[in-house]
Protein backbone atom coordinates (compact mmCIF):
# COMPACT_ATOMS: atom_id res chain seq x y z
CA MET A 1 -16.05 -3.64 12.02
CA ALA A 2 -19.35 -2.89 10.25
CA ILE A 3 -18.43 0.83 10.27
CA LEU A 4 -15.21 0.17 8.47
CA GLU A 5 -16.71 -2.31 5.99
CA ALA A 6 -19.41 0.19 5.18
CA THR A 7 -16.85 2.91 4.73
CA LEU A 8 -14.88 0.85 2.24
CA SER A 9 -17.91 -0.27 0.16
CA LEU A 10 -19.22 3.33 -0.01
CA LEU A 11 -15.85 4.64 -0.85
CA VAL A 12 -15.79 2.38 -3.92
CA GLU A 13 -19.43 3.13 -4.84
CA VAL A 14 -19.47 6.97 -4.48
CA GLY A 15 -15.81 8.06 -4.14
CA TYR A 16 -14.16 10.01 -1.33
CA GLU A 17 -15.79 13.38 -2.24
CA HIS A 18 -19.32 12.04 -1.90
CA LEU A 19 -18.69 9.78 1.11
CA SER A 20 -20.49 11.06 4.16
CA MET A 21 -20.71 10.05 7.79
CA GLU A 22 -24.43 9.90 7.40
CA ALA A 23 -24.14 7.39 4.61
CA VAL A 24 -21.67 5.31 6.61
CA ALA A 25 -24.02 5.44 9.63
CA GLY A 26 -26.98 4.28 7.40
CA ARG A 27 -25.04 1.50 5.80
CA SER A 28 -23.52 0.21 9.06
CA ARG A 29 -26.63 0.79 11.16
CA ALA A 30 -24.47 2.67 13.72
CA ALA A 31 -25.32 6.05 15.13
CA LYS A 32 -23.52 8.96 13.64
CA THR A 33 -22.46 9.99 17.13
CA THR A 34 -20.79 6.60 17.60
CA ILE A 35 -18.84 7.12 14.38
CA TYR A 36 -17.84 10.64 15.37
CA ARG A 37 -16.72 9.41 18.86
CA ARG A 38 -14.32 6.93 17.27
CA TYR A 39 -13.24 8.91 14.21
CA ARG A 40 -12.62 12.69 14.42
CA ASP A 41 -13.35 13.23 10.72
CA LYS A 42 -13.85 11.54 7.33
CA ALA A 43 -10.11 11.20 6.72
CA ALA A 44 -9.56 9.35 10.01
CA LEU A 45 -12.48 7.08 9.28
CA VAL A 46 -11.17 6.20 5.83
CA ALA A 47 -7.68 5.69 7.13
CA ALA A 48 -8.95 3.34 9.74
CA ALA A 49 -10.92 1.40 7.13
CA VAL A 50 -7.83 1.09 4.97
CA GLU A 51 -5.76 -0.12 7.87
CA HIS A 52 -8.44 -2.61 8.79
CA ARG A 53 -8.38 -3.97 5.26
CA SER A 54 -4.64 -4.18 4.86
CA HIS A 55 -3.67 -6.54 7.61
CA ALA A 56 -1.15 -8.63 5.70
CA THR A 57 2.54 -8.54 6.60
CA PRO A 58 5.39 -8.86 4.17
CA PRO A 59 7.37 -12.02 4.02
CA GLU A 60 10.41 -12.43 6.33
CA PRO A 61 13.71 -12.64 4.42
CA ALA A 62 14.33 -16.36 4.12
CA ALA A 63 17.51 -16.33 2.03
CA ASP A 64 21.00 -14.93 2.46
CA ASP A 65 20.58 -13.50 -1.00
CA LEU A 66 19.20 -10.04 -1.71
CA ARG A 67 17.73 -11.03 -5.05
CA GLU A 68 15.87 -13.98 -3.62
CA ASN A 69 14.49 -11.86 -0.83
CA LEU A 70 13.48 -9.14 -3.30
CA LEU A 71 11.74 -11.67 -5.54
CA ALA A 72 9.69 -12.86 -2.58
CA LEU A 73 8.95 -9.30 -1.46
CA VAL A 74 7.99 -8.04 -4.92
CA ALA A 75 5.76 -11.07 -5.57
CA TRP A 76 4.03 -10.52 -2.20
CA LEU A 77 3.60 -6.73 -2.95
CA ALA A 78 2.28 -7.44 -6.43
CA GLY A 79 -0.26 -9.79 -4.89
CA GLN A 80 -1.29 -7.25 -2.37
CA ILE A 81 -1.80 -4.49 -4.94
CA ALA A 82 -3.58 -6.88 -7.42
CA GLU A 83 -6.09 -7.81 -4.69
CA GLN A 84 -7.09 -4.19 -4.16
CA GLU A 85 -10.21 -2.99 -5.87
CA ILE A 86 -9.35 -0.57 -8.61
CA GLY A 87 -12.31 1.59 -7.54
CA LEU A 88 -10.85 1.79 -4.04
CA LEU A 89 -7.38 2.76 -5.19
CA GLY A 90 -8.95 5.44 -7.52
CA ALA A 91 -11.09 6.85 -4.68
CA LEU A 92 -8.16 6.96 -2.32
CA PHE A 93 -5.96 8.67 -4.90
CA ALA A 94 -8.55 11.26 -5.74
CA GLY A 95 -9.24 11.88 -2.03
CA MET A 96 -5.57 12.35 -1.31
CA ARG A 97 -5.41 15.03 -3.94
CA SER A 98 -8.40 16.96 -2.65
CA ASP A 99 -8.10 16.44 1.16
CA PRO A 100 -4.80 17.22 2.85
CA ARG A 101 -5.92 15.29 6.02
CA LEU A 102 -6.55 12.16 4.10
CA ALA A 103 -3.22 12.57 2.28
CA GLU A 104 -1.49 12.91 5.70
CA GLU A 105 -3.26 9.80 7.09
CA MET A 106 -2.47 7.76 4.00
CA ARG A 107 1.09 8.72 3.90
CA ARG A 108 1.45 7.82 7.53
CA ILE A 109 0.14 4.36 6.82
CA LEU A 110 2.32 4.04 3.71
CA ARG A 111 5.48 5.10 5.62
CA ARG A 112 4.76 2.50 8.29
CA ASP A 113 4.16 -0.23 5.67
CA GLU A 114 7.17 0.93 3.68
CA ALA A 115 9.43 0.54 6.76
CA ALA A 116 7.90 -2.92 7.55
CA MET A 117 8.48 -4.07 3.96
CA THR A 118 12.03 -2.86 3.37
CA ASP A 119 13.74 -2.90 6.71
CA GLN A 120 14.51 -6.66 7.04
CA PRO A 121 15.77 -7.60 3.60
CA LEU A 122 17.87 -4.48 3.05
CA ARG A 123 19.30 -4.47 6.53
CA LYS A 124 20.30 -8.18 6.07
CA ALA A 125 21.96 -7.39 2.78
CA ILE A 126 23.98 -4.48 4.28
CA GLY A 127 24.84 -6.70 7.25
CA ARG A 128 26.31 -9.23 4.77
CA GLY A 129 28.47 -6.42 3.32
CA GLU A 130 26.44 -5.79 0.26
CA HIS A 131 26.75 -2.27 -1.08
CA LEU A 132 23.47 -0.46 -1.47
CA VAL A 133 22.95 3.21 -2.40
CA PRO A 134 22.00 5.68 0.39
CA GLY A 135 18.26 5.75 0.61
CA ALA A 136 17.80 2.29 -0.89
CA ALA A 137 14.69 1.57 1.14
CA GLU A 138 13.03 4.82 0.02
CA LEU A 139 13.94 4.01 -3.62
CA PHE A 140 12.46 0.55 -3.36
CA ALA A 141 9.31 1.92 -1.69
CA GLU A 142 8.81 4.55 -4.50
CA VAL A 143 9.66 2.45 -7.52
CA ALA A 144 8.34 -1.05 -6.87
CA PRO A 145 4.79 -0.13 -6.04
CA ALA A 146 4.68 2.43 -8.79
CA VAL A 147 5.72 -0.03 -11.43
CA ILE A 148 3.34 -2.68 -10.03
CA VAL A 149 0.32 -0.28 -9.99
CA HIS A 150 1.14 0.79 -13.57
CA ARG A 151 1.35 -2.83 -14.68
CA VAL A 152 -1.94 -3.81 -12.94
CA VAL A 153 -4.05 -0.62 -13.34
CA VAL A 154 -2.78 1.15 -16.42
CA ALA A 155 -1.49 -1.78 -18.55
CA GLY A 156 -4.11 -4.24 -17.28
CA GLU A 157 -1.49 -6.96 -17.15
CA PRO A 158 -0.78 -9.51 -14.43
CA CYS A 159 2.36 -9.43 -12.35
CA ASP A 160 3.43 -13.00 -13.19
CA GLN A 161 6.81 -14.58 -12.22
CA ARG A 162 8.47 -13.36 -15.43
CA PHE A 163 7.41 -9.76 -14.71
CA VAL A 164 8.51 -10.00 -11.07
CA GLU A 165 11.94 -11.25 -12.13
CA HIS A 166 12.21 -8.45 -14.75
CA LEU A 167 11.33 -5.89 -12.12
CA VAL A 168 13.88 -7.24 -9.58
CA ASP A 169 16.74 -8.07 -11.99
CA ASP A 170 16.49 -5.20 -14.55
CA ILE A 171 15.11 -2.32 -12.41
CA LEU A 172 15.48 -2.81 -8.67
CA LEU A 173 18.72 -4.45 -8.18
CA PRO A 174 20.64 -2.06 -10.47
CA LEU A 175 18.91 0.85 -8.84
CA LEU A 176 19.48 -0.28 -5.28
CA ARG A 177 23.15 -1.18 -6.02
CA GLY A 178 23.76 2.03 -7.85
CA ARG A 179 24.87 0.32 -11.13
């Protein structure tokens, strides 16, 4: 636990490029050999730290209405993204560009989270006979987080209820339904 917390704090402080196993060992007061025994490289260590931090699960679809389920899901996702430290996101994005192993690990985590997030509400909608475009889950997973990250990081605006409704009603539903 201390190793993963140290990794996250150092990642924010110094970035991925300057993060070292030695620094993590020093910050966590763990032996470098202990870290290497658990994590084969820096990318595996950072991925484990990210997985440790992101333990929240998306809401279960509560309604028999795709819009209502998407509103709940987008509000949850916006909250998850807004809670992330901007420095951590920046360090991860930069690290993914420079280290193929980190990119591979992060994509594995994102694919897993994407499936957990989209499977239930979209499967329920299709089961009710609602027409969704092929690849609707992938579209949702690409568009929703990108728009939310832009809103929070680039625009510096909150993802309030009005924005969540705009994202669902004006962007996601037409996209997912192919209209």
